[in-house]
Amino acid sequence: MDSREAARRASGASQNAMRPVALGRKNWMHLGSQDSGPPVAAIMTVLASAQRAGLNLRLYLAQCLEKLSDRAFTTDQIHTLLPENWKAQNS
C-alpha cells in the first residue's frame, strides 16, 4: 500500500469517527436555550472519550452520577471521574 492509499484510509476512518458528532451537532442545535450548548458539549466530549476508552457507557454514567450525588465527593476528586482514570480504577 502506498502512502496515498494509507492517507486515504486514515482520512476515511477519522471522517467516520466524526460523523456522529457532526450529526449530533445538527440535531442538538435547539436544546432549549443558547446557554445549554456549552454544558451539553462538555458532556458529549466526556462520553466520546469514554466510548473511545472502551467503557460501558451506562455503567460509567451510573457510577459517575452516583459519586457526584455523594455529599462527601469534592471538586478535588473530579479528576477521578475522567474516563481514563475511571477505567484504571475500575478494571
PDB file of N, CA and C in Angstrom:
ATOM      1  N   MET A   1       0.854  -1.171   0.000  1.00  0.00           N
ATOM      2  CA  MET A   1       0.000   0.000   0.000  1.00  0.00           C
ATOM      3  C   MET A   1       0.897   1.231   0.000  1.00  0.00           C
ATOM      4  N   ASP A   2       0.641   2.157  -0.910  1.00  0.00           N
ATOM      5  CA  ASP A   2       1.467   3.357  -0.974  1.00  0.00           C
ATOM      6  C   ASP A   2       0.963   4.390   0.037  1.00  0.00           C
ATOM      7  N   SER A   3       1.703   5.483   0.179  1.00  0.00           N
ATOM      8  CA  SER A   3       1.375   6.481   1.196  1.00  0.00           C
ATOM      9  C   SER A   3       0.045   7.183   0.904  1.00  0.00           C
ATOM     10  N   ARG A   4      -0.304   7.342  -0.361  1.00  0.00           N
ATOM     11  CA  ARG A   4      -1.593   7.965  -0.695  1.00  0.00           C
ATOM     12  C   ARG A   4      -2.766   7.095  -0.246  1.00  0.00           C
ATOM     13  N   GLU A   5      -2.625   5.794  -0.480  1.00  0.00           N
ATOM     14  CA  GLU A   5      -3.687   4.865  -0.064  1.00  0.00           C
ATOM     15  C   GLU A   5      -3.806   4.855   1.452  1.00  0.00           C
ATOM     16  N   ALA A   6      -2.681   4.860   2.155  1.00  0.00           N
ATOM     17  CA  ALA A   6      -2.699   4.872   3.623  1.00  0.00           C
ATOM     18  C   ALA A   6      -3.352   6.157   4.137  1.00  0.00           C
ATOM     19  N   ALA A   7      -3.039   7.280   3.514  1.00  0.00           N
ATOM     20  CA  ALA A   7      -3.629   8.558   3.927  1.00  0.00           C
ATOM     21  C   ALA A   7      -5.134   8.564   3.665  1.00  0.00           C
ATOM     22  N   ARG A   8      -5.552   8.007   2.533  1.00  0.00           N
ATOM     23  CA  ARG A   8      -6.981   7.956   2.204  1.00  0.00           C
ATOM     24  C   ARG A   8      -7.736   7.102   3.216  1.00  0.00           C
ATOM     25  N   ARG A   9      -7.158   5.974   3.588  1.00  0.00           N
ATOM     26  CA  ARG A   9      -7.815   5.099   4.567  1.00  0.00           C
ATOM     27  C   ARG A   9      -7.883   5.765   5.940  1.00  0.00           C
ATOM     28  N   ALA A  10      -6.796   6.417   6.339  1.00  0.00           N
ATOM     29  CA  ALA A  10      -6.790   7.101   7.635  1.00  0.00           C
ATOM     30  C   ALA A  10      -7.815   8.227   7.643  1.00  0.00           C
ATOM     31  N   SER A  11      -7.915   8.937   6.533  1.00  0.00           N
ATOM     32  CA  SER A  11      -8.884  10.026   6.424  1.00  0.00           C
ATOM     33  C   SER A  11     -10.305   9.481   6.518  1.00  0.00           C
ATOM     34  N   GLY A  12     -10.569   8.380   5.863  1.00  0.00           N
ATOM     35  CA  GLY A  12     -11.897   7.775   5.912  1.00  0.00           C
ATOM     36  C   GLY A  12     -12.266   7.343   7.322  1.00  0.00           C
ATOM     37  N   ALA A  13     -11.307   6.774   8.035  1.00  0.00           N
ATOM     38  CA  ALA A  13     -11.569   6.334   9.406  1.00  0.00           C
ATOM     39  C   ALA A  13     -11.875   7.526  10.307  1.00  0.00           C
ATOM     40  N   SER A  14     -11.121   8.615  10.169  1.00  0.00           N
ATOM     41  CA  SER A  14     -11.372   9.781  11.014  1.00  0.00           C
ATOM     42  C   SER A  14     -12.693  10.446  10.638  1.00  0.00           C
ATOM     43  N   GLN A  15     -13.038  10.454   9.352  1.00  0.00           N
ATOM     44  CA  GLN A  15     -14.323  11.021   8.953  1.00  0.00           C
ATOM     45  C   GLN A  15     -15.474  10.195   9.519  1.00  0.00           C
ATOM     46  N   ASN A  16     -15.331   8.882   9.516  1.00  0.00           N
ATOM     47  CA  ASN A  16     -16.376   8.017  10.080  1.00  0.00           C
ATOM     48  C   ASN A  16     -16.512   8.232  11.579  1.00  0.00           C
ATOM     49  N   ALA A  17     -15.394   8.484  12.252  1.00  0.00           N
ATOM     50  CA  ALA A  17     -15.438   8.716  13.699  1.00  0.00           C
ATOM     51  C   ALA A  17     -16.132  10.040  14.018  1.00  0.00           C
ATOM     52  N   MET A  18     -15.998  11.027  13.150  1.00  0.00           N
ATOM     53  CA  MET A  18     -16.582  12.341  13.386  1.00  0.00           C
ATOM     54  C   MET A  18     -18.047  12.447  12.937  1.00  0.00           C
ATOM     55  N   ARG A  19     -18.498  11.527  12.126  1.00  0.00           N
ATOM     56  CA  ARG A  19     -19.859  11.603  11.580  1.00  0.00           C
ATOM     57  C   ARG A  19     -20.930  11.713  12.676  1.00  0.00           C
ATOM     58  N   PRO A  20     -20.905  10.877  13.734  1.00  0.00           N
ATOM     59  CA  PRO A  20     -21.939  11.010  14.771  1.00  0.00           C
ATOM     60  C   PRO A  20     -21.896  12.365  15.466  1.00  0.00           C
ATOM     61  N   VAL A  21     -20.697  12.914  15.632  1.00  0.00           N
ATOM     62  CA  VAL A  21     -20.575  14.223  16.275  1.00  0.00           C
ATOM     63  C   VAL A  21     -21.211  15.292  15.401  1.00  0.00           C
ATOM     64  N   ALA A  22     -20.936  15.238  14.098  1.00  0.00           N
ATOM     65  CA  ALA A  22     -21.498  16.225  13.181  1.00  0.00           C
ATOM     66  C   ALA A  22     -23.023  16.104  13.117  1.00  0.00           C
ATOM     67  N   LEU A  23     -23.541  14.887  13.076  1.00  0.00           N
ATOM     68  CA  LEU A  23     -24.991  14.698  13.070  1.00  0.00           C
ATOM     69  C   LEU A  23     -25.613  15.188  14.373  1.00  0.00           C
ATOM     70  N   GLY A  24     -24.954  14.880  15.476  1.00  0.00           N
ATOM     71  CA  GLY A  24     -25.440  15.325  16.777  1.00  0.00           C
ATOM     72  C   GLY A  24     -25.455  16.836  16.891  1.00  0.00           C
ATOM     73  N   ARG A  25     -24.411  17.462  16.371  1.00  0.00           N
ATOM     74  CA  ARG A  25     -24.335  18.919  16.423  1.00  0.00           C
ATOM     75  C   ARG A  25     -25.558  19.532  15.760  1.00  0.00           C
ATOM     76  N   LYS A  26     -25.951  18.972  14.635  1.00  0.00           N
ATOM     77  CA  LYS A  26     -27.130  19.488  13.931  1.00  0.00           C
ATOM     78  C   LYS A  26     -28.406  19.162  14.708  1.00  0.00           C
ATOM     79  N   ASN A  27     -28.507  17.956  15.226  1.00  0.00           N
ATOM     80  CA  ASN A  27     -29.715  17.542  15.944  1.00  0.00           C
ATOM     81  C   ASN A  27     -29.891  18.270  17.270  1.00  0.00           C
ATOM     82  N   TRP A  28     -28.792  18.625  17.931  1.00  0.00           N
ATOM     83  CA  TRP A  28     -28.870  19.233  19.256  1.00  0.00           C
ATOM     84  C   TRP A  28     -28.759  20.746  19.213  1.00  0.00           C
ATOM     85  N   MET A  29     -28.870  21.323  18.016  1.00  0.00           N
ATOM     86  CA  MET A  29     -28.711  22.753  17.881  1.00  0.00           C
ATOM     87  C   MET A  29     -29.764  23.504  18.700  1.00  0.00           C
ATOM     88  N   HIS A  30     -30.941  22.939  18.825  1.00  0.00           N
ATOM     89  CA  HIS A  30     -32.034  23.633  19.518  1.00  0.00           C
ATOM     90  C   HIS A  30     -32.386  22.866  20.788  1.00  0.00           C
ATOM     91  N   LEU A  31     -31.567  23.018  21.792  1.00  0.00           N
ATOM     92  CA  LEU A  31     -31.779  22.287  23.039  1.00  0.00           C
ATOM     93  C   LEU A  31     -32.684  23.014  24.017  1.00  0.00           C
ATOM     94  N   GLY A  32     -33.065  24.216  23.708  1.00  0.00           N
ATOM     95  CA  GLY A  32     -33.933  24.949  24.611  1.00  0.00           C
ATOM     96  C   GLY A  32     -33.468  26.376  24.789  1.00  0.00           C
ATOM     97  N   SER A  33     -32.161  26.571  24.898  1.00  0.00           N
ATOM     98  CA  SER A  33     -31.622  27.922  25.006  1.00  0.00           C
ATOM     99  C   SER A  33     -30.168  27.914  24.564  1.00  0.00           C
ATOM    100  N   GLN A  34     -29.641  29.099  24.307  1.00  0.00           N
ATOM    101  CA  GLN A  34     -28.237  29.189  23.903  1.00  0.00           C
ATOM    102  C   GLN A  34     -27.306  28.804  25.040  1.00  0.00           C
ATOM    103  N   ASP A  35     -27.748  28.960  26.269  1.00  0.00           N
ATOM    104  CA  ASP A  35     -26.910  28.637  27.425  1.00  0.00           C
ATOM    105  C   ASP A  35     -26.710  27.138  27.611  1.00  0.00           C
ATOM    106  N   SER A  36     -27.559  26.330  27.006  1.00  0.00           N
ATOM    107  CA  SER A  36     -27.445  24.875  27.197  1.00  0.00           C
ATOM    108  C   SER A  36     -26.359  24.256  26.319  1.00  0.00           C
ATOM    109  N   GLY A  37     -25.891  24.955  25.307  1.00  0.00           N
ATOM    110  CA  GLY A  37     -24.890  24.405  24.397  1.00  0.00           C
ATOM    111  C   GLY A  37     -23.585  23.990  25.050  1.00  0.00           C
ATOM    112  N   PRO A  38     -22.914  24.887  25.794  1.00  0.00           N
ATOM    113  CA  PRO A  38     -21.627  24.513  26.398  1.00  0.00           C
ATOM    114  C   PRO A  38     -21.693  23.322  27.359  1.00  0.00           C
ATOM    115  N   PRO A  39     -22.692  23.240  28.263  1.00  0.00           N
ATOM    116  CA  PRO A  39     -22.746  22.052  29.118  1.00  0.00           C
ATOM    117  C   PRO A  39     -22.964  20.759  28.335  1.00  0.00           C
ATOM    118  N   VAL A  40     -23.806  20.811  27.317  1.00  0.00           N
ATOM    119  CA  VAL A  40     -24.054  19.619  26.501  1.00  0.00           C
ATOM    120  C   VAL A  40     -22.784  19.231  25.749  1.00  0.00           C
ATOM    121  N   ALA A  41     -22.051  20.213  25.246  1.00  0.00           N
ATOM    122  CA  ALA A  41     -20.792  19.932  24.551  1.00  0.00           C
ATOM    123  C   ALA A  41     -19.800  19.266  25.496  1.00  0.00           C
ATOM    124  N   ALA A  42     -19.740  19.724  26.734  1.00  0.00           N
ATOM    125  CA  ALA A  42     -18.828  19.119  27.715  1.00  0.00           C
ATOM    126  C   ALA A  42     -19.220  17.672  27.999  1.00  0.00           C
ATOM    127  N   ILE A  43     -20.508  17.424  28.181  1.00  0.00           N
ATOM    128  CA  ILE A  43     -20.979  16.065  28.448  1.00  0.00           C
ATOM    129  C   ILE A  43     -20.698  15.156  27.262  1.00  0.00           C
ATOM    130  N   MET A  44     -20.957  15.637  26.066  1.00  0.00           N
ATOM    131  CA  MET A  44     -20.717  14.825  24.871  1.00  0.00           C
ATOM    132  C   MET A  44     -19.232  14.527  24.696  1.00  0.00           C
ATOM    133  N   THR A  45     -18.382  15.470  25.062  1.00  0.00           N
ATOM    134  CA  THR A  45     -16.936  15.255  24.981  1.00  0.00           C
ATOM    135  C   THR A  45     -16.513  14.143  25.935  1.00  0.00           C
ATOM    136  N   VAL A  46     -17.017  14.184  27.154  1.00  0.00           N
ATOM    137  CA  VAL A  46     -16.676  13.145  28.138  1.00  0.00           C
ATOM    138  C   VAL A  46     -17.204  11.789  27.672  1.00  0.00           C
ATOM    139  N   LEU A  47     -18.420  11.753  27.146  1.00  0.00           N
ATOM    140  CA  LEU A  47     -18.979  10.485  26.663  1.00  0.00           C
ATOM    141  C   LEU A  47     -18.206   9.940  25.463  1.00  0.00           C
ATOM    142  N   ALA A  48     -17.771  10.810  24.569  1.00  0.00           N
ATOM    143  CA  ALA A  48     -16.973  10.358  23.427  1.00  0.00           C
ATOM    144  C   ALA A  48     -15.644   9.798  23.906  1.00  0.00           C
ATOM    145  N   SER A  49     -15.041  10.431  24.916  1.00  0.00           N
ATOM    146  CA  SER A  49     -13.789   9.916  25.475  1.00  0.00           C
ATOM    147  C   SER A  49     -13.998   8.562  26.138  1.00  0.00           C
ATOM    148  N   ALA A  50     -15.106   8.421  26.847  1.00  0.00           N
ATOM    149  CA  ALA A  50     -15.417   7.143  27.499  1.00  0.00           C
ATOM    150  C   ALA A  50     -15.632   6.051  26.459  1.00  0.00           C
ATOM    151  N   GLN A  51     -16.312   6.399  25.396  1.00  0.00           N
ATOM    152  CA  GLN A  51     -16.551   5.415  24.336  1.00  0.00           C
ATOM    153  C   GLN A  51     -15.235   5.013  23.679  1.00  0.00           C
ATOM    154  N   ARG A  52     -14.357   5.989  23.418  1.00  0.00           N
ATOM    155  CA  ARG A  52     -13.049   5.685  22.831  1.00  0.00           C
ATOM    156  C   ARG A  52     -12.209   4.810  23.754  1.00  0.00           C
ATOM    157  N   ALA A  53     -12.405   4.980  25.068  1.00  0.00           N
ATOM    158  CA  ALA A  53     -11.665   4.172  26.041  1.00  0.00           C
ATOM    159  C   ALA A  53     -12.249   2.774  26.175  1.00  0.00           C
ATOM    160  N   GLY A  54     -13.366   2.513  25.487  1.00  0.00           N
ATOM    161  CA  GLY A  54     -13.972   1.188  25.511  1.00  0.00           C
ATOM    162  C   GLY A  54     -14.812   0.911  26.743  1.00  0.00           C
ATOM    163  N   LEU A  55     -15.302   1.967  27.389  1.00  0.00           N
ATOM    164  CA  LEU A  55     -16.092   1.788  28.606  1.00  0.00           C
ATOM    165  C   LEU A  55     -17.545   1.474  28.281  1.00  0.00           C
ATOM    166  N   ASN A  56     -18.188   0.781  29.199  1.00  0.00           N
ATOM    167  CA  ASN A  56     -19.631   0.580  29.145  1.00  0.00           C
ATOM    168  C   ASN A  56     -20.242   1.913  29.576  1.00  0.00           C
ATOM    169  N   LEU A  57     -20.858   2.633  28.647  1.00  0.00           N
ATOM    170  CA  LEU A  57     -21.326   3.992  28.936  1.00  0.00           C
ATOM    171  C   LEU A  57     -22.390   4.035  30.025  1.00  0.00           C
ATOM    172  N   ARG A  58     -23.290   3.072  30.046  1.00  0.00           N
ATOM    173  CA  ARG A  58     -24.327   3.055  31.091  1.00  0.00           C
ATOM    174  C   ARG A  58     -23.709   2.889  32.476  1.00  0.00           C
ATOM    175  N   LEU A  59     -22.798   1.947  32.591  1.00  0.00           N
ATOM    176  CA  LEU A  59     -22.141   1.714  33.877  1.00  0.00           C
ATOM    177  C   LEU A  59     -21.315   2.928  34.288  1.00  0.00           C
ATOM    178  N   TYR A  60     -20.559   3.469  33.349  1.00  0.00           N
ATOM    179  CA  TYR A  60     -19.724   4.642  33.624  1.00  0.00           C
ATOM    180  C   TYR A  60     -20.589   5.810  34.108  1.00  0.00           C
ATOM    181  N   LEU A  61     -21.654   6.121  33.370  1.00  0.00           N
ATOM    182  CA  LEU A  61     -22.520   7.237  33.761  1.00  0.00           C
ATOM    183  C   LEU A  61     -23.204   6.989  35.098  1.00  0.00           C
ATOM    184  N   ALA A  62     -23.692   5.775  35.308  1.00  0.00           N
ATOM    185  CA  ALA A  62     -24.365   5.460  36.565  1.00  0.00           C
ATOM    186  C   ALA A  62     -23.437   5.668  37.756  1.00  0.00           C
ATOM    187  N   GLN A  63     -22.204   5.186  37.638  1.00  0.00           N
ATOM    188  CA  GLN A  63     -21.272   5.329  38.752  1.00  0.00           C
ATOM    189  C   GLN A  63     -20.806   6.773  38.926  1.00  0.00           C
ATOM    190  N   CYS A  64     -20.626   7.489  37.821  1.00  0.00           N
ATOM    191  CA  CYS A  64     -20.241   8.900  37.924  1.00  0.00           C
ATOM    192  C   CYS A  64     -21.341   9.716  38.587  1.00  0.00           C
ATOM    193  N   LEU A  65     -22.581   9.507  38.164  1.00  0.00           N
ATOM    194  CA  LEU A  65     -23.690  10.253  38.759  1.00  0.00           C
ATOM    195  C   LEU A  65     -23.868   9.905  40.235  1.00  0.00           C
ATOM    196  N   GLU A  66     -23.648   8.648  40.567  1.00  0.00           N
ATOM    197  CA  GLU A  66     -23.729   8.243  41.978  1.00  0.00           C
ATOM    198  C   GLU A  66     -22.681   8.961  42.809  1.00  0.00           C
ATOM    199  N   LYS A  67     -21.441   9.007  42.295  1.00  0.00           N
ATOM    200  CA  LYS A  67     -20.377   9.688  43.043  1.00  0.00           C
ATOM    201  C   LYS A  67     -20.630  11.188  43.130  1.00  0.00           C
ATOM    202  N   LEU A  68     -21.104  11.787  42.039  1.00  0.00           N
ATOM    203  CA  LEU A  68     -21.368  13.225  42.046  1.00  0.00           C
ATOM    204  C   LEU A  68     -22.488  13.601  43.017  1.00  0.00           C
ATOM    205  N   SER A  69     -23.417  12.694  43.264  1.00  0.00           N
ATOM    206  CA  SER A  69     -24.513  12.983  44.183  1.00  0.00           C
ATOM    207  C   SER A  69     -24.119  12.776  45.645  1.00  0.00           C
ATOM    208  N   ASP A  70     -22.974  12.156  45.884  1.00  0.00           N
ATOM    209  CA  ASP A  70     -22.489  11.917  47.243  1.00  0.00           C
ATOM    210  C   ASP A  70     -21.941  13.221  47.823  1.00  0.00           C
ATOM    211  N   ARG A  71     -22.462  13.637  48.958  1.00  0.00           N
ATOM    212  CA  ARG A  71     -22.023  14.896  49.565  1.00  0.00           C
ATOM    213  C   ARG A  71     -20.554  14.866  49.976  1.00  0.00           C
ATOM    214  N   ALA A  72     -19.989  13.695  50.162  1.00  0.00           N
ATOM    215  CA  ALA A  72     -18.582  13.580  50.555  1.00  0.00           C
ATOM    216  C   ALA A  72     -17.640  13.770  49.368  1.00  0.00           C
ATOM    217  N   PHE A  73     -18.172  13.712  48.154  1.00  0.00           N
ATOM    218  CA  PHE A  73     -17.362  13.870  46.944  1.00  0.00           C
ATOM    219  C   PHE A  73     -17.038  15.350  46.769  1.00  0.00           C
ATOM    220  N   THR A  74     -15.754  15.662  46.595  1.00  0.00           N
ATOM    221  CA  THR A  74     -15.337  17.058  46.472  1.00  0.00           C
ATOM    222  C   THR A  74     -14.843  17.358  45.059  1.00  0.00           C
ATOM    223  N   THR A  75     -14.752  18.633  44.744  1.00  0.00           N
ATOM    224  CA  THR A  75     -14.259  19.036  43.427  1.00  0.00           C
ATOM    225  C   THR A  75     -12.800  18.640  43.238  1.00  0.00           C
ATOM    226  N   ASP A  76     -12.073  18.447  44.321  1.00  0.00           N
ATOM    227  CA  ASP A  76     -10.686  17.982  44.214  1.00  0.00           C
ATOM    228  C   ASP A  76     -10.612  16.554  43.687  1.00  0.00           C
ATOM    229  N   GLN A  77     -11.702  15.824  43.755  1.00  0.00           N
ATOM    230  CA  GLN A  77     -11.737  14.431  43.301  1.00  0.00           C
ATOM    231  C   GLN A  77     -12.300  14.270  41.897  1.00  0.00           C
ATOM    232  N   ILE A  78     -12.678  15.375  41.255  1.00  0.00           N
ATOM    233  CA  ILE A  78     -13.347  15.294  39.961  1.00  0.00           C
ATOM    234  C   ILE A  78     -12.491  14.586  38.914  1.00  0.00           C
ATOM    235  N   HIS A  79     -11.172  14.712  39.018  1.00  0.00           N
ATOM    236  CA  HIS A  79     -10.280  14.052  38.043  1.00  0.00           C
ATOM    237  C   HIS A  79     -10.425  12.535  38.071  1.00  0.00           C
ATOM    238  N   THR A  80     -10.911  11.980  39.160  1.00  0.00           N
ATOM    239  CA  THR A  80     -11.080  10.526  39.235  1.00  0.00           C
ATOM    240  C   THR A  80     -12.207  10.040  38.325  1.00  0.00           C
ATOM    241  N   LEU A  81     -13.075  10.958  37.892  1.00  0.00           N
ATOM    242  CA  LEU A  81     -14.194  10.583  37.039  1.00  0.00           C
ATOM    243  C   LEU A  81     -13.884  10.701  35.550  1.00  0.00           C
ATOM    244  N   LEU A  82     -12.715  11.208  35.203  1.00  0.00           N
ATOM    245  CA  LEU A  82     -12.336  11.237  33.797  1.00  0.00           C
ATOM    246  C   LEU A  82     -12.245   9.804  33.294  1.00  0.00           C
ATOM    247  N   PRO A  83     -12.678   9.554  32.060  1.00  0.00           N
ATOM    248  CA  PRO A  83     -12.762   8.174  31.567  1.00  0.00           C
ATOM    249  C   PRO A  83     -11.482   7.353  31.740  1.00  0.00           C
ATOM    250  N   GLU A  84     -10.340   7.920  31.435  1.00  0.00           N
ATOM    251  CA  GLU A  84      -9.091   7.155  31.544  1.00  0.00           C
ATOM    252  C   GLU A  84      -8.787   6.802  32.997  1.00  0.00           C
ATOM    253  N   ASN A  85      -9.003   7.756  33.907  1.00  0.00           N
ATOM    254  CA  ASN A  85      -8.761   7.498  35.327  1.00  0.00           C
ATOM    255  C   ASN A  85      -9.776   6.514  35.894  1.00  0.00           C
ATOM    256  N   TRP A  86     -11.033   6.678  35.495  1.00  0.00           N
ATOM    257  CA  TRP A  86     -12.078   5.765  35.954  1.00  0.00           C
ATOM    258  C   TRP A  86     -11.792   4.346  35.507  1.00  0.00           C
ATOM    259  N   LYS A  87     -11.352   4.210  34.254  1.00  0.00           N
ATOM    260  CA  LYS A  87     -11.046   2.884  33.712  1.00  0.00           C
ATOM    261  C   LYS A  87      -9.919   2.222  34.497  1.00  0.00           C
ATOM    262  N   ALA A  88      -8.887   2.995  34.820  1.00  0.00           N
ATOM    263  CA  ALA A  88      -7.757   2.454  35.573  1.00  0.00           C
ATOM    264  C   ALA A  88      -8.182   1.999  36.969  1.00  0.00           C
ATOM    265  N   GLN A  89      -9.101   2.738  37.601  1.00  0.00           N
ATOM    266  CA  GLN A  89      -9.558   2.397  38.941  1.00  0.00           C
ATOM    267  C   GLN A  89     -10.538   1.230  38.959  1.00  0.00           C
ATOM    268  N   ASN A  90     -11.255   1.038  37.871  1.00  0.00           N
ATOM    269  CA  ASN A  90     -12.334   0.046  37.852  1.00  0.00           C
ATOM    270  C   ASN A  90     -12.067  -1.166  36.972  1.00  0.00           C
ATOM    271  N   SER A  91     -10.815  -1.385  36.623  1.00  0.00           N
ATOM    272  CA  SER A  91     -10.541  -2.576  35.793  1.00  0.00           C
ATOM    273  C   SER A  91      -9.740  -3.599  36.555  1.00  0.00           C
TER     274      SER A  91
END
